[in-house]
PDB file of all heavy atoms in Angstrom:
ATOM      1  N   MET A   1       0.898  -1.218  -0.047  1.00  0.00           N
ATOM      2  CA  MET A   1       0.046   0.022  -0.002  1.00  0.00           C
ATOM      3  C   MET A   1       0.851   1.273   0.031  1.00  0.00           C
ATOM      4  O   MET A   1       0.482   2.277  -0.565  1.00  0.00           O
ATOM      5  CB  MET A   1      -0.943   0.076   1.264  1.00  0.00           C
ATOM      6  CG  MET A   1      -2.075  -1.020   1.175  1.00  0.00           C
ATOM      7  SD  MET A   1      -3.193  -0.716  -0.173  1.00  0.00           S
ATOM      8  CE  MET A   1      -2.827  -2.053  -1.249  1.00  0.00           C
ATOM      9  N   ALA A   2       2.058   1.130   0.503  1.00  0.00           N
ATOM     10  CA  ALA A   2       2.985   2.352   0.613  1.00  0.00           C
ATOM     11  C   ALA A   2       3.528   2.614  -0.837  1.00  0.00           C
ATOM     12  O   ALA A   2       3.825   3.744  -1.140  1.00  0.00           O
ATOM     13  CB  ALA A   2       4.098   2.066   1.560  1.00  0.00           C
ATOM     14  N   GLY A   3       3.518   1.498  -1.650  1.00  0.00           N
ATOM     15  CA  GLY A   3       4.134   1.738  -3.014  1.00  0.00           C
ATOM     16  C   GLY A   3       3.120   2.443  -3.932  1.00  0.00           C
ATOM     17  O   GLY A   3       3.470   2.895  -5.029  1.00  0.00           O
ATOM     18  N   ILE A   4       1.808   2.495  -3.586  1.00  0.00           N
ATOM     19  CA  ILE A   4       0.866   3.049  -4.440  1.00  0.00           C
ATOM     20  C   ILE A   4       1.193   4.554  -4.737  1.00  0.00           C
ATOM     21  O   ILE A   4       0.833   5.096  -5.808  1.00  0.00           O
ATOM     22  CB  ILE A   4      -0.605   2.847  -3.931  1.00  0.00           C
ATOM     23  CG1 ILE A   4      -0.956   1.343  -3.933  1.00  0.00           C
ATOM     24  CG2 ILE A   4      -1.636   3.688  -4.693  1.00  0.00           C
ATOM     25  CD1 ILE A   4      -2.207   1.061  -3.325  1.00  0.00           C
ATOM     26  N   ALA A   5       1.802   5.255  -3.751  1.00  0.00           N
ATOM     27  CA  ALA A   5       2.111   6.607  -4.007  1.00  0.00           C
ATOM     28  C   ALA A   5       3.093   6.826  -5.142  1.00  0.00           C
ATOM     29  O   ALA A   5       3.114   7.738  -5.786  1.00  0.00           O
ATOM     30  CB  ALA A   5       2.665   7.177  -2.696  1.00  0.00           C
ATOM     31  N   ASP A   6       3.962   5.793  -5.281  1.00  0.00           N
ATOM     32  CA  ASP A   6       4.904   5.886  -6.464  1.00  0.00           C
ATOM     33  C   ASP A   6       4.434   5.149  -7.659  1.00  0.00           C
ATOM     34  O   ASP A   6       5.148   4.832  -8.573  1.00  0.00           O
ATOM     35  CB  ASP A   6       6.173   5.209  -6.024  1.00  0.00           C
ATOM     36  CG  ASP A   6       6.797   5.921  -4.754  1.00  0.00           C
ATOM     37  OD1 ASP A   6       6.717   7.034  -4.716  1.00  0.00           O
ATOM     38  OD2 ASP A   6       7.466   5.182  -4.093  1.00  0.00           O
ATOM     39  N   LYS A   7       3.066   4.811  -7.760  1.00  0.00           N
ATOM     40  CA  LYS A   7       2.399   4.115  -8.823  1.00  0.00           C
ATOM     41  C   LYS A   7       2.909   2.697  -9.040  1.00  0.00           C
ATOM     42  O   LYS A   7       3.204   2.203 -10.163  1.00  0.00           O
ATOM     43  CB  LYS A   7       2.497   4.951 -10.122  1.00  0.00           C
ATOM     44  CG  LYS A   7       1.692   6.214 -10.163  1.00  0.00           C
ATOM     45  CD  LYS A   7       1.510   6.686 -11.511  1.00  0.00           C
ATOM     46  CE  LYS A   7       0.584   7.975 -11.486  1.00  0.00           C
ATOM     47  NZ  LYS A   7       0.241   8.354 -12.811  1.00  0.00           N
ATOM     48  N   LYS A   8       3.296   2.097  -7.864  1.00  0.00           N
ATOM     49  CA  LYS A   8       3.675   0.632  -7.869  1.00  0.00           C
ATOM     50  C   LYS A   8       2.513  -0.215  -7.220  1.00  0.00           C
ATOM     51  O   LYS A   8       2.164  -0.022  -6.077  1.00  0.00           O
ATOM     52  CB  LYS A   8       5.051   0.450  -7.100  1.00  0.00           C
ATOM     53  CG  LYS A   8       6.197   1.095  -7.747  1.00  0.00           C
ATOM     54  CD  LYS A   8       7.398   0.775  -6.952  1.00  0.00           C
ATOM     55  CE  LYS A   8       8.622   1.532  -7.690  1.00  0.00           C
ATOM     56  NZ  LYS A   8       9.817   1.137  -7.041  1.00  0.00           N
ATOM     57  N   TYR A   9       2.062  -1.170  -8.084  1.00  0.00           N
ATOM     58  CA  TYR A   9       0.979  -1.964  -7.612  1.00  0.00           C
ATOM     59  C   TYR A   9       1.465  -3.449  -7.541  1.00  0.00           C
ATOM     60  O   TYR A   9       2.149  -3.955  -8.438  1.00  0.00           O
ATOM     61  CB  TYR A   9      -0.275  -1.816  -8.542  1.00  0.00           C
ATOM     62  CG  TYR A   9      -0.751  -0.513  -8.553  1.00  0.00           C
ATOM     63  CD1 TYR A   9      -0.376   0.519  -9.435  1.00  0.00           C
ATOM     64  CD2 TYR A   9      -1.776  -0.122  -7.578  1.00  0.00           C
ATOM     65  CE1 TYR A   9      -0.868   1.695  -9.376  1.00  0.00           C
ATOM     66  CE2 TYR A   9      -2.357   1.122  -7.552  1.00  0.00           C
ATOM     67  CZ  TYR A   9      -1.869   2.066  -8.514  1.00  0.00           C
ATOM     68  OH  TYR A   9      -2.345   3.386  -8.499  1.00  0.00           O
ATOM     69  N   THR A  10       1.098  -4.138  -6.445  1.00  0.00           N
ATOM     70  CA  THR A  10       1.495  -5.609  -6.328  1.00  0.00           C
ATOM     71  C   THR A  10       0.359  -6.533  -6.473  1.00  0.00           C
ATOM     72  O   THR A  10      -0.702  -6.320  -5.984  1.00  0.00           O
ATOM     73  CB  THR A  10       2.077  -5.759  -4.858  1.00  0.00           C
ATOM     74  OG1 THR A  10       3.055  -4.688  -4.656  1.00  0.00           O
ATOM     75  CG2 THR A  10       2.713  -7.025  -4.642  1.00  0.00           C
ATOM     76  N   PHE A  11       0.631  -7.605  -7.259  1.00  0.00           N
ATOM     77  CA  PHE A  11      -0.374  -8.597  -7.718  1.00  0.00           C
ATOM     78  C   PHE A  11       0.211  -9.892  -7.490  1.00  0.00           C
ATOM     79  O   PHE A  11       1.372 -10.229  -7.633  1.00  0.00           O
ATOM     80  CB  PHE A  11      -0.901  -8.420  -9.072  1.00  0.00           C
ATOM     81  CG  PHE A  11      -1.419  -7.139  -9.403  1.00  0.00           C
ATOM     82  CD1 PHE A  11      -0.740  -6.081 -10.089  1.00  0.00           C
ATOM     83  CD2 PHE A  11      -2.792  -6.914  -9.176  1.00  0.00           C
ATOM     84  CE1 PHE A  11      -1.315  -4.909 -10.397  1.00  0.00           C
ATOM     85  CE2 PHE A  11      -3.386  -5.721  -9.492  1.00  0.00           C
ATOM     86  CZ  PHE A  11      -2.683  -4.698 -10.077  1.00  0.00           C
ATOM     87  N   LYS A  12      -0.806 -10.934  -7.063  1.00  0.00           N
ATOM     88  CA  LYS A  12      -0.382 -12.359  -7.122  1.00  0.00           C
ATOM     89  C   LYS A  12      -0.778 -12.736  -8.533  1.00  0.00           C
ATOM     90  O   LYS A  12      -1.745 -12.416  -9.129  1.00  0.00           O
ATOM     91  CB  LYS A  12      -1.276 -13.080  -6.134  1.00  0.00           C
ATOM     92  CG  LYS A  12      -0.955 -14.543  -6.035  1.00  0.00           C
ATOM     93  CD  LYS A  12      -1.730 -15.132  -4.942  1.00  0.00           C
ATOM     94  CE  LYS A  12      -1.434 -16.697  -4.832  1.00  0.00           C
ATOM     95  NZ  LYS A  12      -2.205 -17.375  -3.953  1.00  0.00           N
ATOM     96  N   VAL A  13       0.226 -13.413  -9.250  1.00  0.00           N
ATOM     97  CA  VAL A  13       0.117 -13.731 -10.603  1.00  0.00           C
ATOM     98  C   VAL A  13       0.394 -15.287 -10.806  1.00  0.00           C
ATOM     99  O   VAL A  13       0.789 -15.923  -9.877  1.00  0.00           O
ATOM    100  CB  VAL A  13       1.060 -13.033 -11.445  1.00  0.00           C
ATOM    101  CG1 VAL A  13       0.700 -11.487 -11.522  1.00  0.00           C
ATOM    102  CG2 VAL A  13       2.471 -13.278 -11.138  1.00  0.00           C
ATOM    103  N   ALA A  14       0.070 -15.740 -11.998  1.00  0.00           N
ATOM    104  CA  ALA A  14       0.220 -17.176 -12.329  1.00  0.00           C
ATOM    105  C   ALA A  14       1.724 -17.484 -12.208  1.00  0.00           C
ATOM    106  O   ALA A  14       2.599 -16.667 -12.730  1.00  0.00           O
ATOM    107  CB  ALA A  14      -0.345 -17.466 -13.646  1.00  0.00           C
ATOM    108  N   LYS A  15       2.063 -18.661 -11.738  1.00  0.00           N
ATOM    109  CA  LYS A  15       3.448 -19.070 -11.636  1.00  0.00           C
ATOM    110  C   LYS A  15       4.232 -19.124 -12.995  1.00  0.00           C
ATOM    111  O   LYS A  15       5.397 -18.914 -13.034  1.00  0.00           O
ATOM    112  CB  LYS A  15       3.553 -20.347 -10.916  1.00  0.00           C
ATOM    113  CG  LYS A  15       3.376 -20.256  -9.387  1.00  0.00           C
ATOM    114  CD  LYS A  15       3.324 -21.604  -8.750  1.00  0.00           C
ATOM    115  CE  LYS A  15       4.737 -22.066  -8.601  1.00  0.00           C
ATOM    116  NZ  LYS A  15       4.874 -23.238  -7.765  1.00  0.00           N
ATOM    117  N   ASP A  16       3.499 -19.370 -14.079  1.00  0.00           N
ATOM    118  CA  ASP A  16       4.192 -19.643 -15.376  1.00  0.00           C
ATOM    119  C   ASP A  16       4.135 -18.353 -16.242  1.00  0.00           C
ATOM    120  O   ASP A  16       4.495 -18.352 -17.359  1.00  0.00           O
ATOM    121  CB  ASP A  16       3.544 -20.819 -16.074  1.00  0.00           C
ATOM    122  CG  ASP A  16       2.062 -20.691 -16.416  1.00  0.00           C
ATOM    123  OD1 ASP A  16       1.463 -19.802 -15.656  1.00  0.00           O
ATOM    124  OD2 ASP A  16       1.537 -21.437 -17.084  1.00  0.00           O
ATOM    125  N   ALA A  17       3.517 -17.264 -15.688  1.00  0.00           N
ATOM    126  CA  ALA A  17       3.383 -16.049 -16.432  1.00  0.00           C
ATOM    127  C   ALA A  17       4.757 -15.340 -16.481  1.00  0.00           C
ATOM    128  O   ALA A  17       5.440 -15.248 -15.526  1.00  0.00           O
ATOM    129  CB  ALA A  17       2.370 -15.126 -15.860  1.00  0.00           C
ATOM    130  N   ASN A  18       5.173 -14.753 -17.769  1.00  0.00           N
ATOM    131  CA  ASN A  18       6.286 -13.889 -17.682  1.00  0.00           C
ATOM    132  C   ASN A  18       5.931 -12.448 -17.663  1.00  0.00           C
ATOM    133  O   ASN A  18       4.825 -12.034 -17.601  1.00  0.00           O
ATOM    134  CB  ASN A  18       7.079 -14.203 -19.060  1.00  0.00           C
ATOM    135  CG  ASN A  18       6.328 -13.929 -20.270  1.00  0.00           C
ATOM    136  OD1 ASN A  18       5.496 -13.035 -20.327  1.00  0.00           O
ATOM    137  ND2 ASN A  18       6.582 -14.763 -21.294  1.00  0.00           N
ATOM    138  N   LYS A  19       6.984 -11.565 -17.701  1.00  0.00           N
ATOM    139  CA  LYS A  19       6.802 -10.228 -17.469  1.00  0.00           C
ATOM    140  C   LYS A  19       5.962  -9.576 -18.571  1.00  0.00           C
ATOM    141  O   LYS A  19       5.272  -8.679 -18.273  1.00  0.00           O
ATOM    142  CB  LYS A  19       8.231  -9.429 -17.310  1.00  0.00           C
ATOM    143  CG  LYS A  19       8.894  -9.809 -16.055  1.00  0.00           C
ATOM    144  CD  LYS A  19      10.230  -9.089 -15.938  1.00  0.00           C
ATOM    145  CE  LYS A  19      10.963  -9.398 -14.761  1.00  0.00           C
ATOM    146  NZ  LYS A  19      12.112  -8.567 -14.452  1.00  0.00           N
ATOM    147  N   ILE A  20       6.227  -9.950 -19.791  1.00  0.00           N
ATOM    148  CA  ILE A  20       5.395  -9.318 -20.890  1.00  0.00           C
ATOM    149  C   ILE A  20       3.954  -9.679 -20.797  1.00  0.00           C
ATOM    150  O   ILE A  20       3.084  -8.908 -20.943  1.00  0.00           O
ATOM    151  CB  ILE A  20       6.080  -9.833 -22.189  1.00  0.00           C
ATOM    152  CG1 ILE A  20       7.456  -9.438 -22.462  1.00  0.00           C
ATOM    153  CG2 ILE A  20       5.144  -9.385 -23.435  1.00  0.00           C
ATOM    154  CD1 ILE A  20       8.271 -10.092 -23.476  1.00  0.00           C
ATOM    155  N   GLU A  21       3.590 -10.970 -20.419  1.00  0.00           N
ATOM    156  CA  GLU A  21       2.183 -11.311 -20.281  1.00  0.00           C
ATOM    157  C   GLU A  21       1.505 -10.544 -19.168  1.00  0.00           C
ATOM    158  O   GLU A  21       0.468 -10.223 -19.195  1.00  0.00           O
ATOM    159  CB  GLU A  21       2.197 -12.883 -19.964  1.00  0.00           C
ATOM    160  CG  GLU A  21       2.496 -13.753 -21.193  1.00  0.00           C
ATOM    161  CD  GLU A  21       2.488 -15.155 -20.940  1.00  0.00           C
ATOM    162  OE1 GLU A  21       2.692 -15.505 -19.689  1.00  0.00           O
ATOM    163  OE2 GLU A  21       2.480 -16.036 -21.839  1.00  0.00           O
ATOM    164  N   ILE A  22       2.344 -10.420 -18.056  1.00  0.00           N
ATOM    165  CA  ILE A  22       1.756  -9.636 -16.864  1.00  0.00           C
ATOM    166  C   ILE A  22       1.543  -8.203 -17.272  1.00  0.00           C
ATOM    167  O   ILE A  22       0.445  -7.716 -16.894  1.00  0.00           O
ATOM    168  CB  ILE A  22       2.794  -9.757 -15.654  1.00  0.00           C
ATOM    169  CG1 ILE A  22       2.854 -11.258 -15.120  1.00  0.00           C
ATOM    170  CG2 ILE A  22       2.324  -8.894 -14.552  1.00  0.00           C
ATOM    171  CD1 ILE A  22       3.944 -11.449 -14.211  1.00  0.00           C
ATOM    172  N   ALA A  23       2.376  -7.611 -17.976  1.00  0.00           N
ATOM    173  CA  ALA A  23       2.136  -6.276 -18.409  1.00  0.00           C
ATOM    174  C   ALA A  23       0.948  -6.050 -19.270  1.00  0.00           C
ATOM    175  O   ALA A  23       0.097  -5.097 -19.036  1.00  0.00           O
ATOM    176  CB  ALA A  23       3.448  -5.643 -19.116  1.00  0.00           C
ATOM    177  N   GLN A  24       0.810  -6.900 -20.212  1.00  0.00           N
ATOM    178  CA  GLN A  24      -0.317  -6.944 -21.118  1.00  0.00           C
ATOM    179  C   GLN A  24      -1.630  -7.189 -20.412  1.00  0.00           C
ATOM    180  O   GLN A  24      -2.719  -6.562 -20.671  1.00  0.00           O
ATOM    181  CB  GLN A  24      -0.124  -7.932 -22.307  1.00  0.00           C
ATOM    182  CG  GLN A  24       0.961  -7.552 -23.241  1.00  0.00           C
ATOM    183  CD  GLN A  24       1.220  -8.629 -24.257  1.00  0.00           C
ATOM    184  OE1 GLN A  24       0.814  -9.804 -24.059  1.00  0.00           O
ATOM    185  NE2 GLN A  24       2.012  -8.312 -25.221  1.00  0.00           N
ATOM    186  N   ALA A  25      -1.628  -8.169 -19.419  1.00  0.00           N
ATOM    187  CA  ALA A  25      -2.798  -8.422 -18.653  1.00  0.00           C
ATOM    188  C   ALA A  25      -3.198  -7.192 -17.817  1.00  0.00           C
ATOM    189  O   ALA A  25      -4.447  -6.935 -17.713  1.00  0.00           O
ATOM    190  CB  ALA A  25      -2.565  -9.597 -17.714  1.00  0.00           C
ATOM    191  N   VAL A  26      -2.306  -6.539 -17.142  1.00  0.00           N
ATOM    192  CA  VAL A  26      -2.627  -5.425 -16.339  1.00  0.00           C
ATOM    193  C   VAL A  26      -3.180  -4.248 -17.174  1.00  0.00           C
ATOM    194  O   VAL A  26      -4.116  -3.551 -16.836  1.00  0.00           O
ATOM    195  CB  VAL A  26      -1.450  -4.886 -15.486  1.00  0.00           C
ATOM    196  CG1 VAL A  26      -1.683  -3.611 -14.801  1.00  0.00           C
ATOM    197  CG2 VAL A  26      -1.056  -5.950 -14.353  1.00  0.00           C
ATOM    198  N   GLU A  27      -2.577  -4.048 -18.343  1.00  0.00           N
ATOM    199  CA  GLU A  27      -3.052  -2.968 -19.230  1.00  0.00           C
ATOM    200  C   GLU A  27      -4.543  -3.303 -19.726  1.00  0.00           C
ATOM    201  O   GLU A  27      -5.250  -2.407 -19.899  1.00  0.00           O
ATOM    202  CB  GLU A  27      -2.143  -2.833 -20.445  1.00  0.00           C
ATOM    203  CG  GLU A  27      -0.781  -2.178 -20.108  1.00  0.00           C
ATOM    204  CD  GLU A  27       0.137  -2.016 -21.250  1.00  0.00           C
ATOM    205  OE1 GLU A  27      -0.117  -2.598 -22.312  1.00  0.00           O
ATOM    206  OE2 GLU A  27       1.175  -1.373 -21.050  1.00  0.00           O
ATOM    207  N   THR A  28      -4.782  -4.517 -20.014  1.00  0.00           N
ATOM    208  CA  THR A  28      -6.116  -4.937 -20.497  1.00  0.00           C
ATOM    209  C   THR A  28      -7.117  -4.823 -19.457  1.00  0.00           C
ATOM    210  O   THR A  28      -8.224  -4.282 -19.693  1.00  0.00           O
ATOM    211  CB  THR A  28      -6.016  -6.435 -21.008  1.00  0.00           C
ATOM    212  OG1 THR A  28      -5.030  -6.512 -22.042  1.00  0.00           O
ATOM    213  CG2 THR A  28      -7.419  -6.845 -21.548  1.00  0.00           C
ATOM    214  N   LEU A  29      -6.750  -5.301 -18.154  1.00  0.00           N
ATOM    215  CA  LEU A  29      -7.787  -5.288 -17.121  1.00  0.00           C
ATOM    216  C   LEU A  29      -8.068  -3.862 -16.640  1.00  0.00           C
ATOM    217  O   LEU A  29      -9.264  -3.612 -16.215  1.00  0.00           O
ATOM    218  CB  LEU A  29      -7.209  -6.142 -15.915  1.00  0.00           C
ATOM    219  CG  LEU A  29      -7.302  -7.703 -16.188  1.00  0.00           C
ATOM    220  CD1 LEU A  29      -6.665  -8.410 -15.087  1.00  0.00           C
ATOM    221  CD2 LEU A  29      -8.680  -8.270 -16.296  1.00  0.00           C
ATOM    222  N   PHE A  30      -7.112  -3.023 -16.376  1.00  0.00           N
ATOM    223  CA  PHE A  30      -7.207  -1.802 -15.686  1.00  0.00           C
ATOM    224  C   PHE A  30      -7.112  -0.606 -16.594  1.00  0.00           C
ATOM    225  O   PHE A  30      -7.260   0.527 -16.093  1.00  0.00           O
ATOM    226  CB  PHE A  30      -6.273  -1.696 -14.562  1.00  0.00           C
ATOM    227  CG  PHE A  30      -6.366  -2.796 -13.552  1.00  0.00           C
ATOM    228  CD1 PHE A  30      -5.475  -3.802 -13.492  1.00  0.00           C
ATOM    229  CD2 PHE A  30      -7.469  -2.926 -12.643  1.00  0.00           C
ATOM    230  CE1 PHE A  30      -5.560  -4.831 -12.529  1.00  0.00           C
ATOM    231  CE2 PHE A  30      -7.577  -3.954 -11.713  1.00  0.00           C
ATOM    232  CZ  PHE A  30      -6.632  -4.910 -11.695  1.00  0.00           C
ATOM    233  N   LYS A  31      -6.919  -0.793 -17.910  1.00  0.00           N
ATOM    234  CA  LYS A  31      -6.795   0.308 -18.846  1.00  0.00           C
ATOM    235  C   LYS A  31      -5.820   1.390 -18.505  1.00  0.00           C
ATOM    236  O   LYS A  31      -6.110   2.526 -18.397  1.00  0.00           O
ATOM    237  CB  LYS A  31      -8.170   1.008 -19.033  1.00  0.00           C
ATOM    238  CG  LYS A  31      -9.375   0.099 -19.318  1.00  0.00           C
ATOM    239  CD  LYS A  31      -9.340  -0.536 -20.667  1.00  0.00           C
ATOM    240  CE  LYS A  31     -10.555  -1.270 -21.079  1.00  0.00           C
ATOM    241  NZ  LYS A  31     -10.649  -2.574 -20.477  1.00  0.00           N
ATOM    242  N   VAL A  32      -4.599   0.952 -18.154  1.00  0.00           N
ATOM    243  CA  VAL A  32      -3.559   1.794 -17.759  1.00  0.00           C
ATOM    244  C   VAL A  32      -2.260   1.386 -18.631  1.00  0.00           C
ATOM    245  O   VAL A  32      -2.198   0.497 -19.400  1.00  0.00           O
ATOM    246  CB  VAL A  32      -3.110   1.619 -16.256  1.00  0.00           C
ATOM    247  CG1 VAL A  32      -4.290   2.094 -15.343  1.00  0.00           C
ATOM    248  CG2 VAL A  32      -2.806   0.103 -15.935  1.00  0.00           C
TER     249      VAL A  32
END
């Protein structure tokens, strides 16, 4: 929650997901 001020959000993700897939998923879900 302290990281939100710096626009850092923490998520639990699938174990086999890579950084590119995670970035695309967050952009799709939250429109950011």
